Amino acid sequence: MSNIIYNGERLLQMVRYSDELLDEIKSKNDIVDIVSQYVVLKRTGRNYMGLCPFHKEKSGSFCVSPDKQIFHCFGCGVGGNVFHFISKIENLNFKESVEMLANRAGVELPVSSNSAEDDKRERLKSRVYEVNKCAAEFYHENLYKPTAKPGQEYVKKRKLTNETLKAYRIGFSGKFDELYKELKKQGFGEQEIFESGLVNKNENGKFIDRYRNRLMFPICDERGRVIAFGGRVLDDSKPKYINSPENIVYSKGRHLFGLNVAKKHGGLKKILIVEGYMDVISLHQRGITNVVAALGTALTQNQGWLLRRSAEQVILGFDSDGARTNSNFKVYWNITKHGMWHESVTNGRCKRSRWICYKIW
């Protein structure tokens, strides 16, 4: 059983819901939309203000932050996220507030399963997060070793600074089973390492590293947890990129590369979406920090909700080759068709640019 505390009160989570499920429900229930059903809100800068529904007052001290997706009353001190608000305003427990918001967003809740199985799965997920964290550190440290000369030459060619390398934890993968041996040395079990997608089994049944002699890009969720990796080849080998398979902590259609770094630079009014890891990193180094990349050839509906929750405006910046351009038109018409943005869409070529840009506002 997990506990959630706000304003000195404790909400008991009697049913175990995964962090990913709760994040999905929150992302599809914008706190401004929810609170507006109970409180008259007025825009004040980046936030919204109104009269607190939980105590009597004449001047509004009740604040809602669309950037942080939280509320707080400066008068009585109550605050929290959208679950806390619904629990308080509707006098519901945590389970009931989750059910109400899930139903509103059309999110299907799982049927209660054996708690022992849930515990086992949650422990495995926790360990896989640790495996990924250790792997990212291992790869990053590797990049500065003499054996990582191909990686060093590449980052030098791309003129990446140490600050940039550290911000994105860029690294270099070694040969054969270097990572596997390191993870075993740190006490991780075979199943935990295998579930991370960082190793494969060869014909002899031995574990070997999935990524070998590649420049490594850790992929993080909004919270900054390493959930997957992308590896770029440094010679003429194919494929050019290898990405982590979907696993217990990673679903590529639910995340955006670089969003955790972009959010470190404050609230986002605009987000620029580009195609690849290096597009994000190169632009970041040039001072454009509000940039992310989709983890695939097309944006998904879940990524659309994530974008809507993270910024007010979205700008697409994809390569302007014919096939890709046609695909991008379909992507955005599909997104707007599902109502994720209720604004008009304009499109046009950027002058002196290799990108096609679509602006949504």
Protein backbone atom coordinates (compact mmCIF):
# COMPACT_ATOMS: atom_id res chain seq x y z
CA MET A 1 0.00 0.00 0.00
CA SER A 2 1.40 3.41 -0.90
CA ASN A 3 0.53 6.73 0.74
CA ILE A 4 0.02 10.15 -0.80
CA ILE A 5 0.20 13.18 1.50
CA TYR A 6 -0.95 16.74 0.90
CA ASN A 7 -1.61 19.60 3.32
CA GLY A 8 -0.96 17.32 6.28
CA GLU A 9 -3.59 14.83 5.13
CA ARG A 10 -2.99 11.29 3.98
CA LEU A 11 -4.73 9.62 1.06
CA LEU A 12 -4.46 5.85 1.14
CA GLN A 13 -3.91 4.15 -2.19
CA MET A 14 -5.66 0.87 -1.46
CA VAL A 15 -5.32 -0.38 -5.03
CA ARG A 16 -1.90 -0.51 -6.64
CA TYR A 17 -1.71 1.54 -9.81
CA SER A 18 1.54 1.88 -11.75
CA ASP A 19 3.24 5.26 -12.05
CA GLU A 20 2.82 5.04 -15.82
CA LEU A 21 -0.95 4.57 -15.51
CA LEU A 22 -1.33 7.44 -13.05
CA ASP A 23 0.81 9.67 -15.30
CA GLU A 24 -1.40 8.78 -18.28
CA ILE A 25 -4.57 9.67 -16.36
CA LYS A 26 -3.07 12.95 -15.18
CA SER A 27 -1.87 13.84 -18.68
CA LYS A 28 -5.42 13.41 -20.03
CA ASN A 29 -7.02 15.45 -17.26
CA ASP A 30 -5.55 18.93 -17.49
CA ILE A 31 -5.79 20.47 -14.03
CA VAL A 32 -7.01 23.83 -15.36
CA ASP A 33 -9.89 22.12 -17.18
CA ILE A 34 -10.80 20.10 -14.08
CA VAL A 35 -10.61 22.97 -11.59
CA SER A 36 -12.53 25.26 -13.96
CA GLN A 37 -15.56 23.02 -13.52
CA TYR A 38 -15.70 24.05 -9.84
CA VAL A 39 -13.89 27.41 -9.66
CA VAL A 40 -14.04 30.56 -11.81
CA LEU A 41 -10.41 31.05 -12.84
CA LYS A 42 -8.73 34.12 -14.26
CA ARG A 43 -5.40 34.04 -16.10
CA THR A 44 -2.64 35.85 -14.22
CA GLY A 45 0.72 35.56 -15.97
CA ARG A 46 1.53 31.87 -16.41
CA ASN A 47 -0.95 30.77 -13.73
CA TYR A 48 -4.68 30.98 -13.00
CA MET A 49 -6.23 32.49 -9.87
CA GLY A 50 -9.63 32.19 -8.24
CA LEU A 51 -11.55 32.00 -4.96
CA CYS A 52 -10.61 28.93 -2.94
CA PRO A 53 -13.44 26.36 -2.82
CA PHE A 54 -12.13 24.97 0.48
CA HIS A 55 -12.45 28.06 2.69
CA LYS A 56 -14.27 31.39 2.66
CA GLU A 57 -12.38 34.35 1.20
CA LYS A 58 -13.12 37.63 -0.54
CA SER A 59 -9.97 37.94 -2.66
CA GLY A 60 -8.67 35.04 -4.72
CA SER A 61 -5.69 33.23 -3.22
CA PHE A 62 -6.30 29.93 -5.00
CA CYS A 63 -3.60 29.34 -7.67
CA VAL A 64 -3.51 26.74 -10.44
CA SER A 65 -0.31 26.12 -12.39
CA PRO A 66 -0.76 24.62 -15.89
CA ASP A 67 3.02 24.17 -16.21
CA LYS A 68 3.39 22.12 -13.03
CA GLN A 69 -0.16 20.68 -13.13
CA ILE A 70 -0.74 21.50 -9.47
CA PHE A 71 -2.95 23.79 -7.37
CA HIS A 72 -2.23 25.67 -4.15
CA CYS A 73 -4.19 27.99 -1.91
CA PHE A 74 -2.10 30.68 -0.25
CA GLY A 75 -4.91 31.22 2.24
CA CYS A 76 -5.61 27.80 3.76
CA GLY A 77 -2.53 25.96 2.45
CA VAL A 78 -4.34 23.13 0.65
CA GLY A 79 -2.64 21.93 -2.53
CA GLY A 80 -1.62 19.01 -4.70
CA ASN A 81 -2.23 17.52 -8.13
CA VAL A 82 -5.44 16.74 -9.98
CA PHE A 83 -6.10 13.57 -7.92
CA HIS A 84 -5.83 15.57 -4.69
CA PHE A 85 -8.19 18.23 -5.99
CA ILE A 86 -10.89 15.76 -7.00
CA SER A 87 -10.50 13.83 -3.74
CA LYS A 88 -10.94 17.03 -1.73
CA ILE A 89 -13.70 18.69 -3.75
CA GLU A 90 -15.79 15.52 -4.23
CA ASN A 91 -14.97 13.98 -0.85
CA LEU A 92 -13.55 10.85 -2.50
CA ASN A 93 -10.77 8.51 -1.48
CA PHE A 94 -7.76 8.03 -3.75
CA LYS A 95 -9.15 4.97 -5.54
CA GLU A 96 -12.43 6.73 -6.26
CA SER A 97 -10.69 9.85 -7.58
CA VAL A 98 -8.54 7.75 -9.91
CA GLU A 99 -11.63 5.91 -11.17
CA MET A 100 -13.50 9.16 -11.76
CA LEU A 101 -10.68 10.80 -13.72
CA ALA A 102 -9.88 7.60 -15.64
CA ASN A 103 -13.51 7.32 -16.70
CA ARG A 104 -13.53 10.99 -17.77
CA ALA A 105 -10.42 10.46 -19.91
CA GLY A 106 -11.46 7.09 -21.32
CA VAL A 107 -8.56 5.27 -19.67
CA GLU A 108 -9.23 1.63 -18.83
CA LEU A 109 -8.16 0.63 -15.34
CA PRO A 110 -6.69 -2.84 -14.77
CA VAL A 111 -8.66 -5.48 -12.93
CA SER A 112 -7.21 -6.09 -9.48
CA SER A 113 -4.65 -8.89 -9.60
CA ASN A 114 -2.75 -10.90 -7.06
CA SER A 115 -0.83 -8.49 -4.82
CA ALA A 116 2.18 -10.82 -4.66
CA GLU A 117 2.45 -10.69 -8.47
CA ASP A 118 2.09 -6.90 -8.37
CA ASP A 119 4.85 -6.65 -5.79
CA LYS A 120 7.14 -8.85 -7.86
CA ARG A 121 6.54 -6.79 -10.99
CA GLU A 122 7.10 -3.49 -9.17
CA ARG A 123 10.34 -4.78 -7.66
CA LEU A 124 11.53 -5.85 -11.10
CA LYS A 125 10.66 -2.44 -12.56
CA SER A 126 12.57 -0.72 -9.80
CA ARG A 127 15.62 -2.87 -10.48
CA VAL A 128 15.44 -2.25 -14.23
CA TYR A 129 15.47 1.50 -13.56
CA GLU A 130 18.63 0.93 -11.52
CA VAL A 131 20.16 -1.19 -14.30
CA ASN A 132 19.53 1.59 -16.81
CA LYS A 133 20.96 4.23 -14.49
CA CYS A 134 24.15 2.21 -13.96
CA ALA A 135 24.42 1.51 -17.70
CA ALA A 136 24.14 5.23 -18.52
CA GLU A 137 26.91 6.01 -16.03
CA PHE A 138 29.06 3.20 -17.43
CA TYR A 139 28.63 4.37 -21.04
CA HIS A 140 29.27 8.02 -20.13
CA GLU A 141 32.49 7.21 -18.26
CA ASN A 142 33.55 4.98 -21.17
CA LEU A 143 33.44 7.93 -23.55
CA TYR A 144 36.44 9.50 -21.80
CA LYS A 145 38.61 6.36 -21.93
CA PRO A 146 41.34 5.70 -24.55
CA THR A 147 39.31 2.77 -25.94
CA ALA A 148 36.53 5.18 -27.00
CA LYS A 149 38.53 6.96 -29.70
CA PRO A 150 35.82 6.54 -32.42
CA GLY A 151 33.28 8.14 -30.08
CA GLN A 152 35.65 10.93 -29.11
CA GLU A 153 36.39 11.72 -32.75
CA TYR A 154 32.68 11.88 -33.54
CA VAL A 155 31.78 14.27 -30.71
CA LYS A 156 34.79 16.40 -31.63
CA LYS A 157 33.62 16.51 -35.25
CA ARG A 158 30.16 17.58 -34.08
CA LYS A 159 31.79 20.13 -31.75
CA LEU A 160 29.90 18.89 -28.69
CA THR A 161 31.08 20.46 -25.43
CA ASN A 162 31.58 18.64 -22.14
CA GLU A 163 28.58 20.53 -20.77
CA THR A 164 26.40 19.12 -23.54
CA LEU A 165 27.78 15.61 -23.14
CA LYS A 166 26.95 15.71 -19.42
CA ALA A 167 23.50 17.28 -19.90
CA TYR A 168 22.41 14.36 -22.11
CA ARG A 169 24.76 11.81 -20.51
CA ILE A 170 26.11 10.82 -23.92
CA GLY A 171 28.38 7.78 -23.79
CA PHE A 172 30.17 5.05 -25.69
CA SER A 173 29.50 1.30 -25.66
CA GLY A 174 32.43 -1.10 -25.63
CA LYS A 175 32.94 -4.59 -27.03
CA PHE A 176 31.10 -7.90 -26.69
CA ASP A 177 29.98 -8.16 -23.04
CA GLU A 178 31.69 -5.30 -21.18
CA LEU A 179 28.44 -3.82 -19.88
CA TYR A 180 26.98 -7.21 -18.92
CA LYS A 181 30.05 -8.03 -16.83
CA GLU A 182 29.97 -4.62 -15.16
CA LEU A 183 26.29 -4.96 -14.25
CA LYS A 184 26.86 -8.46 -12.85
CA LYS A 185 29.74 -7.06 -10.80
CA GLN A 186 27.36 -4.47 -9.35
CA GLY A 187 24.99 -7.20 -8.16
CA PHE A 188 22.25 -7.25 -10.79
CA GLY A 189 20.68 -10.58 -11.72
CA GLU A 190 20.43 -12.02 -15.23
CA GLN A 191 16.68 -11.47 -15.47
CA GLU A 192 16.98 -7.84 -14.36
CA ILE A 193 19.66 -7.16 -16.97
CA PHE A 194 17.81 -9.04 -19.71
CA GLU A 195 14.52 -7.24 -18.98
CA SER A 196 16.26 -3.90 -19.54
CA GLY A 197 16.89 -4.79 -23.20
CA LEU A 198 20.59 -4.01 -22.84
CA VAL A 199 21.73 -7.56 -23.62
CA ASN A 200 20.90 -10.38 -26.00
CA LYS A 201 21.64 -14.10 -25.89
CA ASN A 202 23.92 -15.51 -28.58
CA GLU A 203 23.69 -18.95 -30.19
CA ASN A 204 25.64 -20.46 -27.31
CA GLY A 205 23.20 -19.07 -24.76
CA LYS A 206 25.67 -16.48 -23.47
CA PHE A 207 24.65 -12.91 -22.75
CA ILE A 208 26.25 -10.27 -24.97
CA ASP A 209 25.75 -6.51 -25.03
CA ARG A 210 23.09 -5.25 -27.44
CA TYR A 211 25.14 -2.10 -28.10
CA ARG A 212 28.77 -2.47 -29.17
CA ASN A 213 31.09 0.29 -30.39
CA ARG A 214 28.30 2.86 -30.64
CA LEU A 215 27.71 6.39 -29.42
CA MET A 216 25.06 6.06 -26.72
CA PHE A 217 22.09 8.32 -26.03
CA PRO A 218 20.17 7.59 -22.81
CA ILE A 219 16.42 8.15 -23.14
CA CYS A 220 14.75 9.53 -20.01
CA ASP A 221 11.18 10.00 -18.88
CA GLU A 222 9.84 13.32 -17.57
CA ARG A 223 11.22 12.54 -14.13
CA GLY A 224 14.71 12.09 -15.49
CA ARG A 225 14.79 8.31 -14.99
CA VAL A 226 16.72 6.44 -17.69
CA ILE A 227 14.23 4.15 -19.41
CA ALA A 228 15.95 3.20 -22.68
CA PHE A 229 18.88 3.88 -25.02
CA GLY A 230 19.64 4.76 -28.61
CA GLY A 231 22.99 3.72 -30.10
CA ARG A 232 24.56 5.30 -33.21
CA VAL A 233 27.09 3.42 -35.30
CA LEU A 234 30.41 5.21 -35.89
CA ASP A 235 31.40 3.55 -39.16
CA ASP A 236 29.53 2.38 -42.26
CA SER A 237 27.83 -0.54 -40.48
CA LYS A 238 24.09 -1.05 -40.64
CA PRO A 239 21.72 -0.29 -39.06
CA LYS A 240 22.81 3.26 -38.32
CA TYR A 241 20.79 3.35 -35.10
CA ILE A 242 19.76 0.63 -32.67
CA ASN A 243 17.12 1.48 -30.09
CA SER A 244 15.97 -0.32 -26.96
CA PRO A 245 13.07 -2.72 -27.41
CA GLU A 246 9.90 -1.90 -25.49
CA ASN A 247 10.04 -3.43 -22.05
CA ILE A 248 8.73 -3.23 -18.50
CA VAL A 249 9.71 0.46 -18.12
CA TYR A 250 9.76 1.69 -21.72
CA SER A 251 7.10 2.29 -24.34
CA LYS A 252 8.43 4.56 -27.08
CA GLY A 253 5.02 5.98 -27.93
CA ARG A 254 4.69 7.49 -24.45
CA HIS A 255 7.91 9.49 -24.25
CA LEU A 256 9.85 12.28 -25.98
CA PHE A 257 13.63 12.41 -26.13
CA GLY A 258 15.03 15.47 -24.36
CA LEU A 259 11.85 16.59 -22.58
CA ASN A 260 13.44 16.12 -19.16
CA VAL A 261 16.35 18.38 -20.17
CA ALA A 262 14.06 20.99 -21.77
CA LYS A 263 11.99 21.24 -18.58
CA LYS A 264 15.08 22.00 -16.50
CA HIS A 265 15.18 25.41 -18.17
CA GLY A 266 11.83 26.50 -16.74
CA GLY A 267 8.24 26.57 -17.96
CA LEU A 268 7.81 25.90 -21.65
CA LYS A 269 5.63 28.18 -23.77
CA LYS A 270 6.80 26.58 -27.01
CA ILE A 271 8.29 23.20 -27.87
CA LEU A 272 10.18 22.46 -31.08
CA ILE A 273 9.95 18.83 -32.22
CA VAL A 274 12.75 17.52 -34.43
CA GLU A 275 13.60 14.11 -35.82
CA GLY A 276 16.63 12.73 -34.05
CA TYR A 277 18.85 12.73 -31.00
CA MET A 278 21.59 14.81 -32.62
CA ASP A 279 19.08 17.41 -33.87
CA VAL A 280 17.95 17.93 -30.26
CA ILE A 281 21.47 18.02 -28.87
CA SER A 282 22.91 20.34 -31.54
CA LEU A 283 20.09 22.85 -31.14
CA HIS A 284 20.36 22.71 -27.35
CA GLN A 285 24.06 23.54 -27.56
CA ARG A 286 23.20 26.55 -29.72
CA GLY A 287 20.87 27.91 -27.08
CA ILE A 288 17.56 26.44 -28.28
CA THR A 289 16.73 24.46 -25.15
CA ASN A 290 12.99 23.91 -25.71
CA VAL A 291 13.56 21.07 -28.17
CA VAL A 292 12.55 17.39 -28.14
CA ALA A 293 12.40 14.45 -30.55
CA ALA A 294 9.78 11.79 -31.15
CA LEU A 295 11.01 8.25 -30.60
CA GLY A 296 9.85 6.88 -33.93
CA THR A 297 8.69 7.87 -37.38
CA ALA A 298 5.38 9.31 -36.21
CA LEU A 299 3.99 11.10 -33.19
CA THR A 300 1.53 9.05 -31.16
CA GLN A 301 -1.60 10.20 -29.39
CA ASN A 302 0.08 9.75 -25.99
CA GLN A 303 2.98 11.94 -27.13
CA GLY A 304 0.42 14.48 -28.26
CA TRP A 305 -1.12 14.58 -24.78
CA LEU A 306 2.36 14.92 -23.31
CA LEU A 307 3.10 17.89 -25.58
CA ARG A 308 -0.19 19.55 -24.81
CA ARG A 309 0.50 19.26 -21.09
CA SER A 310 4.06 20.57 -21.44
CA ALA A 311 3.68 23.66 -23.63
CA GLU A 312 1.26 26.16 -25.14
CA GLN A 313 2.66 26.02 -28.67
CA VAL A 314 4.19 23.21 -30.69
CA ILE A 315 6.44 23.66 -33.71
CA LEU A 316 7.39 20.75 -35.96
CA GLY A 317 10.86 20.79 -37.51
CA PHE A 318 11.37 17.73 -39.69
CA ASP A 319 13.57 17.06 -42.72
CA SER A 320 11.91 18.28 -45.91
CA ASP A 321 12.41 15.20 -48.09
CA GLY A 322 9.31 14.18 -50.01
CA ALA A 323 8.34 10.95 -48.29
CA ARG A 324 9.00 12.35 -44.84
CA THR A 325 7.07 15.54 -45.57
CA ASN A 326 3.98 13.61 -46.69
CA SER A 327 4.22 11.45 -43.59
CA ASN A 328 4.45 14.50 -41.34
CA PHE A 329 1.32 16.05 -42.85
CA LYS A 330 -0.55 12.82 -42.08
CA VAL A 331 0.87 12.75 -38.56
CA TYR A 332 -0.40 16.19 -37.67
CA TRP A 333 -3.75 15.91 -39.35
CA ASN A 334 -4.20 12.66 -37.43
CA ILE A 335 -3.27 14.35 -34.17
CA THR A 336 -5.62 17.29 -34.63
CA LYS A 337 -8.38 14.93 -35.77
CA HIS A 338 -8.31 13.33 -32.32
CA GLY A 339 -8.86 16.72 -30.73
CA MET A 340 -5.61 16.95 -28.81
CA TRP A 341 -5.32 20.57 -29.86
CA HIS A 342 -8.40 22.66 -30.41
CA GLU A 343 -6.59 25.31 -32.41
CA SER A 344 -6.08 26.06 -36.07
CA VAL A 345 -3.17 24.56 -37.97
CA THR A 346 -1.02 26.40 -40.48
CA ASN A 347 1.94 25.10 -42.40
CA GLY A 348 4.68 26.42 -44.63
CA ARG A 349 8.32 26.11 -45.53
CA CYS A 350 10.89 27.83 -43.35
CA LYS A 351 13.13 30.11 -45.40
CA ARG A 352 16.80 29.11 -45.53
CA SER A 353 16.02 25.91 -43.68
CA ARG A 354 16.08 22.23 -44.45
CA TRP A 355 13.00 21.77 -42.29
CA ILE A 356 9.31 21.85 -42.92
CA CYS A 357 7.62 23.57 -39.99
CA TYR A 358 4.05 23.24 -38.80
CA LYS A 359 2.95 25.60 -36.09
CA ILE A 360 0.10 24.85 -33.76
CA TRP A 361 -1.28 27.63 -31.61
